[in-house]
């Protein structure tokens, strides 16, 4: 059942990443500042840092973000098993993922400042986007797990 839960979670994670990306894009348009998925890809690509645009970064960003969303969803799906997780649990999980990434590994690779040093409007956008991700992740799993 763990494998099935992980597979469901991965699929739900990709869908939830789409919803999350819409929130991140709206935040980018409203504030004019870059969003972390692109900054993280830039930090990992050869030839510069988070502020240096590179050829192919749009595709790399989309693939990396969907992959990370799938991985986070797979973990959530495996842990919740057959249960129909609440949307609140999904949102809390996503905020925990945000805290681990943006207070941990993202600053370490030079992609982002830690949350407490970042722009408040970007932190608000990130929090809203992660809540949407978690809510959508749980909603998809709830729908797929009806009758179990």
N, C-alpha and C. Protein backbone atom coordinates (compact mmCIF):
# COMPACT_ATOMS: atom_id res chain seq x y z
N UNK A 1 0.81 -1.20 0.00
CA UNK A 1 0.00 0.00 0.00
C UNK A 1 0.85 1.26 0.00
N UNK A 2 2.07 1.16 0.54
CA UNK A 2 2.95 2.32 0.58
C UNK A 2 3.29 2.78 -0.84
N UNK A 3 3.56 1.82 -1.73
CA UNK A 3 3.92 2.18 -3.10
C UNK A 3 2.75 2.85 -3.81
N UNK A 4 1.55 2.30 -3.63
CA UNK A 4 0.38 2.91 -4.25
C UNK A 4 0.15 4.31 -3.69
N UNK A 5 0.28 4.46 -2.38
CA UNK A 5 0.13 5.78 -1.77
C UNK A 5 1.14 6.77 -2.29
N UNK A 6 2.39 6.31 -2.45
CA UNK A 6 3.44 7.19 -2.97
C UNK A 6 3.15 7.58 -4.41
N UNK A 7 2.69 6.63 -5.21
CA UNK A 7 2.37 6.93 -6.61
C UNK A 7 1.22 7.92 -6.70
N UNK A 8 0.19 7.70 -5.90
CA UNK A 8 -0.93 8.66 -5.86
C UNK A 8 -0.43 10.04 -5.43
N UNK A 9 0.41 10.05 -4.41
CA UNK A 9 0.94 11.31 -3.91
C UNK A 9 1.79 12.03 -4.94
N UNK A 10 2.59 11.28 -5.69
CA UNK A 10 3.43 11.89 -6.73
C UNK A 10 2.56 12.54 -7.80
N UNK A 11 1.53 11.83 -8.25
CA UNK A 11 0.62 12.40 -9.25
C UNK A 11 -0.10 13.62 -8.70
N UNK A 12 -0.58 13.52 -7.47
CA UNK A 12 -1.26 14.66 -6.84
C UNK A 12 -0.29 15.81 -6.65
N UNK A 13 0.97 15.50 -6.36
CA UNK A 13 1.98 16.53 -6.18
C UNK A 13 2.25 17.32 -7.45
N UNK A 14 2.25 16.64 -8.59
CA UNK A 14 2.44 17.35 -9.86
C UNK A 14 1.25 18.27 -10.12
N UNK A 15 0.04 17.78 -9.90
CA UNK A 15 -1.14 18.63 -10.07
C UNK A 15 -1.11 19.83 -9.13
N UNK A 16 -0.76 19.57 -7.88
CA UNK A 16 -0.71 20.65 -6.88
C UNK A 16 0.37 21.66 -7.23
N UNK A 17 1.46 21.21 -7.84
CA UNK A 17 2.52 22.13 -8.26
C UNK A 17 2.01 23.09 -9.32
N UNK A 18 1.11 22.63 -10.17
CA UNK A 18 0.51 23.53 -11.16
C UNK A 18 -0.26 24.65 -10.50
N UNK A 19 -1.05 24.31 -9.49
CA UNK A 19 -1.80 25.34 -8.76
C UNK A 19 -0.85 26.28 -8.03
N UNK A 20 0.17 25.72 -7.43
CA UNK A 20 1.16 26.51 -6.70
C UNK A 20 1.88 27.48 -7.64
N UNK A 21 2.23 27.01 -8.82
CA UNK A 21 2.94 27.83 -9.79
C UNK A 21 2.11 29.05 -10.19
N UNK A 22 0.80 28.88 -10.29
CA UNK A 22 -0.06 30.01 -10.62
C UNK A 22 0.03 31.09 -9.54
N UNK A 23 0.08 30.69 -8.28
CA UNK A 23 0.21 31.66 -7.19
C UNK A 23 1.58 32.33 -7.24
N UNK A 24 2.63 31.56 -7.47
CA UNK A 24 3.97 32.14 -7.56
C UNK A 24 4.07 33.13 -8.71
N UNK A 25 3.46 32.80 -9.84
CA UNK A 25 3.49 33.70 -11.00
C UNK A 25 2.72 34.98 -10.71
N UNK A 26 1.58 34.86 -10.06
CA UNK A 26 0.82 36.06 -9.68
C UNK A 26 1.66 36.94 -8.74
N UNK A 27 2.34 36.33 -7.80
CA UNK A 27 3.20 37.09 -6.89
C UNK A 27 4.34 37.76 -7.63
N UNK A 28 4.91 37.08 -8.60
CA UNK A 28 5.99 37.67 -9.40
C UNK A 28 5.49 38.88 -10.18
N UNK A 29 4.33 38.74 -10.77
CA UNK A 29 3.78 39.85 -11.56
C UNK A 29 3.41 41.05 -10.68
N UNK A 30 2.88 40.78 -9.51
CA UNK A 30 2.49 41.87 -8.61
C UNK A 30 3.69 42.58 -7.99
N UNK A 31 4.72 41.83 -7.66
CA UNK A 31 5.84 42.42 -6.93
C UNK A 31 7.05 42.74 -7.81
N UNK A 32 7.16 42.05 -8.93
CA UNK A 32 8.30 42.26 -9.81
C UNK A 32 9.56 41.53 -9.40
N UNK A 33 9.53 40.77 -8.33
CA UNK A 33 10.74 40.05 -7.92
C UNK A 33 10.68 38.60 -8.39
N UNK A 34 11.85 38.01 -8.55
CA UNK A 34 11.94 36.63 -8.99
C UNK A 34 11.42 35.67 -7.94
N UNK A 35 11.07 34.49 -8.40
CA UNK A 35 10.55 33.47 -7.49
C UNK A 35 11.57 32.36 -7.30
N UNK A 36 11.56 31.75 -6.13
CA UNK A 36 12.57 30.76 -5.76
C UNK A 36 12.78 29.59 -6.71
N UNK A 37 11.75 29.00 -7.33
CA UNK A 37 12.08 27.86 -8.20
C UNK A 37 13.13 28.23 -9.26
N UNK A 38 12.96 29.38 -9.88
CA UNK A 38 13.92 29.82 -10.90
C UNK A 38 15.28 30.12 -10.26
N UNK A 39 15.27 30.78 -9.12
CA UNK A 39 16.53 31.11 -8.44
C UNK A 39 17.29 29.84 -8.06
N UNK A 40 16.57 28.80 -7.65
CA UNK A 40 17.22 27.55 -7.27
C UNK A 40 17.86 26.88 -8.48
N UNK A 41 17.15 26.87 -9.60
CA UNK A 41 17.71 26.28 -10.81
C UNK A 41 18.94 27.08 -11.25
N UNK A 42 18.84 28.40 -11.21
CA UNK A 42 19.99 29.23 -11.59
C UNK A 42 21.19 28.94 -10.69
N UNK A 43 20.95 28.76 -9.41
CA UNK A 43 22.05 28.50 -8.48
C UNK A 43 22.72 27.16 -8.76
N UNK A 44 21.97 26.22 -9.30
CA UNK A 44 22.51 24.88 -9.55
C UNK A 44 23.12 24.72 -10.93
N UNK A 45 22.70 25.56 -11.89
CA UNK A 45 23.25 25.46 -13.24
C UNK A 45 24.66 26.05 -13.27
N UNK A 46 25.53 25.49 -14.11
CA UNK A 46 26.88 26.06 -14.20
C UNK A 46 26.86 27.45 -14.83
N UNK A 47 27.83 28.27 -14.44
CA UNK A 47 28.00 29.55 -15.11
C UNK A 47 27.44 30.75 -14.39
N UNK A 48 27.30 30.73 -13.12
CA UNK A 48 26.83 31.92 -12.42
C UNK A 48 26.19 31.58 -11.11
N UNK A 49 25.24 32.38 -10.73
CA UNK A 49 24.53 32.19 -9.47
C UNK A 49 23.06 32.41 -9.67
N UNK A 50 22.35 32.64 -8.59
CA UNK A 50 20.89 32.78 -8.64
C UNK A 50 20.44 34.00 -9.43
N UNK A 51 21.30 34.99 -9.60
CA UNK A 51 20.90 36.22 -10.29
C UNK A 51 21.24 36.21 -11.78
N UNK A 52 21.92 35.19 -12.25
CA UNK A 52 22.38 35.16 -13.64
C UNK A 52 21.46 34.30 -14.50
N UNK A 53 20.69 34.93 -15.42
CA UNK A 53 19.82 34.14 -16.31
C UNK A 53 20.66 33.24 -17.22
N UNK A 54 20.13 32.07 -17.52
CA UNK A 54 20.82 31.12 -18.37
C UNK A 54 19.87 30.55 -19.42
N UNK A 55 20.45 30.15 -20.53
CA UNK A 55 19.68 29.51 -21.60
C UNK A 55 19.11 28.19 -21.08
N UNK A 56 17.85 27.93 -21.36
CA UNK A 56 17.21 26.68 -20.97
C UNK A 56 16.67 26.67 -19.55
N UNK A 57 16.76 27.80 -18.85
CA UNK A 57 16.34 27.79 -17.45
C UNK A 57 14.83 27.66 -17.29
N UNK A 58 14.05 28.12 -18.27
CA UNK A 58 12.59 27.99 -18.15
C UNK A 58 12.18 26.52 -18.11
N UNK A 59 12.70 25.74 -19.05
CA UNK A 59 12.37 24.31 -19.07
C UNK A 59 12.93 23.61 -17.85
N UNK A 60 14.16 23.94 -17.48
CA UNK A 60 14.77 23.31 -16.31
C UNK A 60 13.99 23.64 -15.04
N UNK A 61 13.51 24.88 -14.95
CA UNK A 61 12.72 25.29 -13.78
C UNK A 61 11.42 24.51 -13.71
N UNK A 62 10.73 24.39 -14.84
CA UNK A 62 9.45 23.66 -14.85
C UNK A 62 9.65 22.20 -14.46
N UNK A 63 10.67 21.56 -15.01
CA UNK A 63 10.93 20.15 -14.71
C UNK A 63 11.34 19.99 -13.25
N UNK A 64 12.22 20.85 -12.77
CA UNK A 64 12.68 20.74 -11.38
C UNK A 64 11.54 20.98 -10.40
N UNK A 65 10.71 21.98 -10.67
CA UNK A 65 9.61 22.29 -9.76
C UNK A 65 8.59 21.15 -9.74
N UNK A 66 8.25 20.63 -10.91
CA UNK A 66 7.31 19.50 -10.97
C UNK A 66 7.91 18.27 -10.28
N UNK A 67 9.20 18.05 -10.48
CA UNK A 67 9.86 16.92 -9.84
C UNK A 67 9.88 17.04 -8.32
N UNK A 68 10.16 18.23 -7.83
CA UNK A 68 10.16 18.43 -6.39
C UNK A 68 8.75 18.28 -5.83
N UNK A 69 7.76 18.83 -6.56
CA UNK A 69 6.37 18.68 -6.14
C UNK A 69 5.93 17.22 -6.12
N UNK A 70 6.39 16.46 -7.11
CA UNK A 70 6.07 15.02 -7.15
C UNK A 70 6.72 14.29 -5.99
N UNK A 71 7.97 14.62 -5.70
CA UNK A 71 8.68 13.96 -4.59
C UNK A 71 8.03 14.27 -3.25
N UNK A 72 7.70 15.54 -3.03
CA UNK A 72 7.03 15.92 -1.77
C UNK A 72 5.66 15.26 -1.68
N UNK A 73 4.96 15.20 -2.81
CA UNK A 73 3.66 14.54 -2.84
C UNK A 73 3.77 13.04 -2.59
N UNK A 74 4.81 12.41 -3.14
CA UNK A 74 5.02 10.97 -2.93
C UNK A 74 5.22 10.66 -1.45
N UNK A 75 6.01 11.48 -0.78
CA UNK A 75 6.23 11.28 0.66
C UNK A 75 4.92 11.43 1.43
N UNK A 76 4.17 12.47 1.12
CA UNK A 76 2.88 12.70 1.79
C UNK A 76 1.92 11.55 1.50
N UNK A 77 1.87 11.11 0.25
CA UNK A 77 1.00 10.00 -0.13
C UNK A 77 1.36 8.71 0.56
N UNK A 78 2.67 8.44 0.69
CA UNK A 78 3.12 7.22 1.37
C UNK A 78 2.79 7.26 2.85
N UNK A 79 3.01 8.40 3.47
CA UNK A 79 2.77 8.53 4.92
C UNK A 79 1.28 8.45 5.25
N UNK A 80 0.44 9.02 4.40
CA UNK A 80 -1.00 9.00 4.68
C UNK A 80 -1.64 7.69 4.27
N UNK A 81 -0.95 6.87 3.47
CA UNK A 81 -1.46 5.55 3.12
C UNK A 81 -2.81 5.58 2.45
N UNK A 82 -3.77 4.85 2.98
CA UNK A 82 -5.13 4.81 2.41
C UNK A 82 -6.02 5.93 2.93
N UNK A 83 -5.57 6.59 3.97
CA UNK A 83 -6.41 7.63 4.58
C UNK A 83 -6.66 8.78 3.61
N UNK A 84 -7.75 9.46 3.84
CA UNK A 84 -8.09 10.65 3.07
C UNK A 84 -7.64 11.86 3.90
N UNK A 85 -6.47 12.41 3.60
CA UNK A 85 -5.91 13.48 4.43
C UNK A 85 -6.75 14.75 4.36
N UNK A 86 -6.83 15.44 5.48
CA UNK A 86 -7.55 16.72 5.49
C UNK A 86 -6.75 17.76 4.72
N UNK A 87 -7.45 18.74 4.22
CA UNK A 87 -6.78 19.84 3.52
C UNK A 87 -5.88 20.62 4.48
N UNK A 88 -6.31 20.70 5.73
CA UNK A 88 -5.50 21.39 6.74
C UNK A 88 -4.18 20.64 6.96
N UNK A 89 -4.23 19.32 7.01
CA UNK A 89 -3.00 18.53 7.14
C UNK A 89 -2.10 18.77 5.93
N UNK A 90 -2.69 18.80 4.75
CA UNK A 90 -1.91 19.07 3.54
C UNK A 90 -1.24 20.43 3.58
N UNK A 91 -1.98 21.45 4.01
CA UNK A 91 -1.41 22.80 4.10
C UNK A 91 -0.28 22.84 5.13
N UNK A 92 -0.48 22.21 6.27
CA UNK A 92 0.56 22.17 7.30
C UNK A 92 1.81 21.46 6.81
N UNK A 93 1.61 20.35 6.10
CA UNK A 93 2.74 19.61 5.53
C UNK A 93 3.51 20.50 4.55
N UNK A 94 2.78 21.19 3.69
CA UNK A 94 3.44 22.04 2.70
C UNK A 94 4.21 23.18 3.35
N UNK A 95 3.66 23.74 4.41
CA UNK A 95 4.39 24.80 5.13
C UNK A 95 5.65 24.25 5.80
N UNK A 96 5.59 23.00 6.27
CA UNK A 96 6.78 22.37 6.84
C UNK A 96 7.84 22.14 5.75
N UNK A 97 7.40 21.72 4.56
CA UNK A 97 8.32 21.56 3.44
C UNK A 97 8.96 22.91 3.10
N UNK A 98 8.14 23.96 3.10
CA UNK A 98 8.65 25.30 2.83
C UNK A 98 9.72 25.69 3.85
N UNK A 99 9.42 25.49 5.11
CA UNK A 99 10.38 25.86 6.16
C UNK A 99 11.68 25.09 6.02
N UNK A 100 11.59 23.79 5.74
CA UNK A 100 12.80 22.98 5.59
C UNK A 100 13.65 23.46 4.40
N UNK A 101 12.99 23.77 3.31
CA UNK A 101 13.72 24.21 2.12
C UNK A 101 14.26 25.62 2.24
N UNK A 102 13.42 26.53 2.64
CA UNK A 102 13.80 27.94 2.61
C UNK A 102 14.55 28.40 3.85
N UNK A 103 14.57 27.60 4.88
CA UNK A 103 15.42 27.90 6.03
C UNK A 103 16.65 26.99 6.02
N UNK A 104 16.64 25.99 5.14
CA UNK A 104 17.71 25.00 5.13
C UNK A 104 18.53 25.00 3.86
N UNK A 105 18.14 24.12 2.92
CA UNK A 105 19.02 23.88 1.78
C UNK A 105 19.06 25.01 0.76
N UNK A 106 17.97 25.75 0.56
CA UNK A 106 17.99 26.84 -0.45
C UNK A 106 19.01 27.93 -0.09
N UNK A 107 19.06 28.39 1.16
CA UNK A 107 20.11 29.36 1.49
C UNK A 107 21.52 28.76 1.37
N UNK A 108 21.64 27.48 1.67
CA UNK A 108 22.97 26.85 1.62
C UNK A 108 23.54 26.77 0.20
N UNK A 109 22.66 26.67 -0.80
CA UNK A 109 23.16 26.63 -2.18
C UNK A 109 23.22 28.02 -2.81
N UNK A 110 22.86 29.04 -2.04
CA UNK A 110 22.93 30.42 -2.53
C UNK A 110 21.76 30.84 -3.39
N UNK A 111 20.66 30.10 -3.35
CA UNK A 111 19.50 30.42 -4.17
C UNK A 111 18.60 31.47 -3.55
N UNK A 112 18.55 31.51 -2.26
CA UNK A 112 17.61 32.36 -1.53
C UNK A 112 18.20 32.73 -0.19
N UNK A 113 17.84 33.90 0.30
CA UNK A 113 18.16 34.15 1.71
C UNK A 113 17.20 33.32 2.57
N UNK A 114 17.55 33.06 3.82
CA UNK A 114 16.58 32.38 4.69
C UNK A 114 15.32 33.24 4.81
N UNK A 115 14.22 32.61 5.13
CA UNK A 115 12.93 33.32 5.18
C UNK A 115 12.99 34.57 6.05
N UNK A 116 13.64 34.49 7.18
CA UNK A 116 13.67 35.64 8.09
C UNK A 116 14.50 36.81 7.56
N UNK A 117 15.24 36.59 6.47
CA UNK A 117 16.02 37.67 5.85
C UNK A 117 15.50 38.04 4.47
N UNK A 118 14.48 37.37 4.00
CA UNK A 118 13.94 37.63 2.67
C UNK A 118 12.92 38.76 2.73
N UNK A 119 12.51 39.21 1.55
CA UNK A 119 11.50 40.27 1.46
C UNK A 119 10.17 39.74 1.99
N UNK A 120 9.50 40.51 2.83
CA UNK A 120 8.22 40.05 3.40
C UNK A 120 7.17 39.71 2.34
N UNK A 121 7.14 40.46 1.23
CA UNK A 121 6.15 40.16 0.20
C UNK A 121 6.44 38.82 -0.48
N UNK A 122 7.72 38.50 -0.66
CA UNK A 122 8.05 37.20 -1.25
C UNK A 122 7.73 36.07 -0.28
N UNK A 123 8.01 36.26 1.00
CA UNK A 123 7.69 35.24 2.00
C UNK A 123 6.18 35.00 2.03
N UNK A 124 5.40 36.08 1.95
CA UNK A 124 3.94 35.94 1.94
C UNK A 124 3.48 35.17 0.71
N UNK A 125 4.08 35.47 -0.44
CA UNK A 125 3.74 34.74 -1.67
C UNK A 125 4.10 33.26 -1.54
N UNK A 126 5.29 32.99 -1.00
CA UNK A 126 5.71 31.60 -0.81
C UNK A 126 4.77 30.85 0.13
N UNK A 127 4.39 31.50 1.22
CA UNK A 127 3.49 30.85 2.17
C UNK A 127 2.14 30.56 1.51
N UNK A 128 1.59 31.54 0.80
CA UNK A 128 0.31 31.34 0.12
C UNK A 128 0.42 30.21 -0.91
N UNK A 129 1.51 30.21 -1.67
CA UNK A 129 1.70 29.18 -2.70
C UNK A 129 1.81 27.79 -2.08
N UNK A 130 2.50 27.68 -0.95
CA UNK A 130 2.64 26.38 -0.29
C UNK A 130 1.32 25.92 0.32
N UNK A 131 0.53 26.84 0.85
CA UNK A 131 -0.79 26.46 1.36
C UNK A 131 -1.65 25.94 0.20
N UNK A 132 -1.60 26.61 -0.94
CA UNK A 132 -2.35 26.14 -2.12
C UNK A 132 -1.85 24.77 -2.55
N UNK A 133 -0.54 24.56 -2.54
CA UNK A 133 0.02 23.25 -2.89
C UNK A 133 -0.53 22.18 -1.95
N UNK A 134 -0.41 22.40 -0.65
CA UNK A 134 -0.84 21.40 0.33
C UNK A 134 -2.33 21.14 0.27
N UNK A 135 -3.10 22.19 0.12
CA UNK A 135 -4.56 22.07 0.01
C UNK A 135 -4.91 21.24 -1.22
N UNK A 136 -4.27 21.55 -2.34
CA UNK A 136 -4.55 20.84 -3.60
C UNK A 136 -4.07 19.39 -3.53
N UNK A 137 -2.92 19.17 -2.93
CA UNK A 137 -2.39 17.82 -2.75
C UNK A 137 -3.37 16.95 -1.97
N UNK A 138 -3.82 17.45 -0.84
CA UNK A 138 -4.76 16.69 -0.01
C UNK A 138 -6.10 16.51 -0.72
N UNK A 139 -6.56 17.55 -1.41
CA UNK A 139 -7.85 17.46 -2.11
C UNK A 139 -7.81 16.37 -3.18
N UNK A 140 -6.71 16.30 -3.94
CA UNK A 140 -6.60 15.27 -4.97
C UNK A 140 -6.58 13.88 -4.34
N UNK A 141 -5.81 13.71 -3.27
CA UNK A 141 -5.76 12.40 -2.62
C UNK A 141 -7.11 12.02 -2.02
N UNK A 142 -7.79 12.99 -1.45
CA UNK A 142 -9.13 12.71 -0.89
C UNK A 142 -10.06 12.21 -2.00
N UNK A 143 -10.00 12.85 -3.12
CA UNK A 143 -10.89 12.47 -4.23
C UNK A 143 -10.55 11.06 -4.73
N UNK A 144 -9.27 10.77 -4.90
CA UNK A 144 -8.85 9.47 -5.42
C UNK A 144 -9.05 8.35 -4.42
N UNK A 145 -9.11 8.67 -3.15
CA UNK A 145 -9.22 7.63 -2.12
C UNK A 145 -10.63 7.47 -1.57
N UNK A 146 -11.60 7.94 -2.27
CA UNK A 146 -13.00 7.73 -1.84
C UNK A 146 -13.29 6.25 -1.78
N UNK A 147 -14.05 5.87 -0.78
CA UNK A 147 -14.49 4.48 -0.68
C UNK A 147 -13.48 3.53 -0.07
N UNK A 148 -12.34 4.02 0.37
CA UNK A 148 -11.34 3.14 1.01
C UNK A 148 -11.51 3.18 2.50
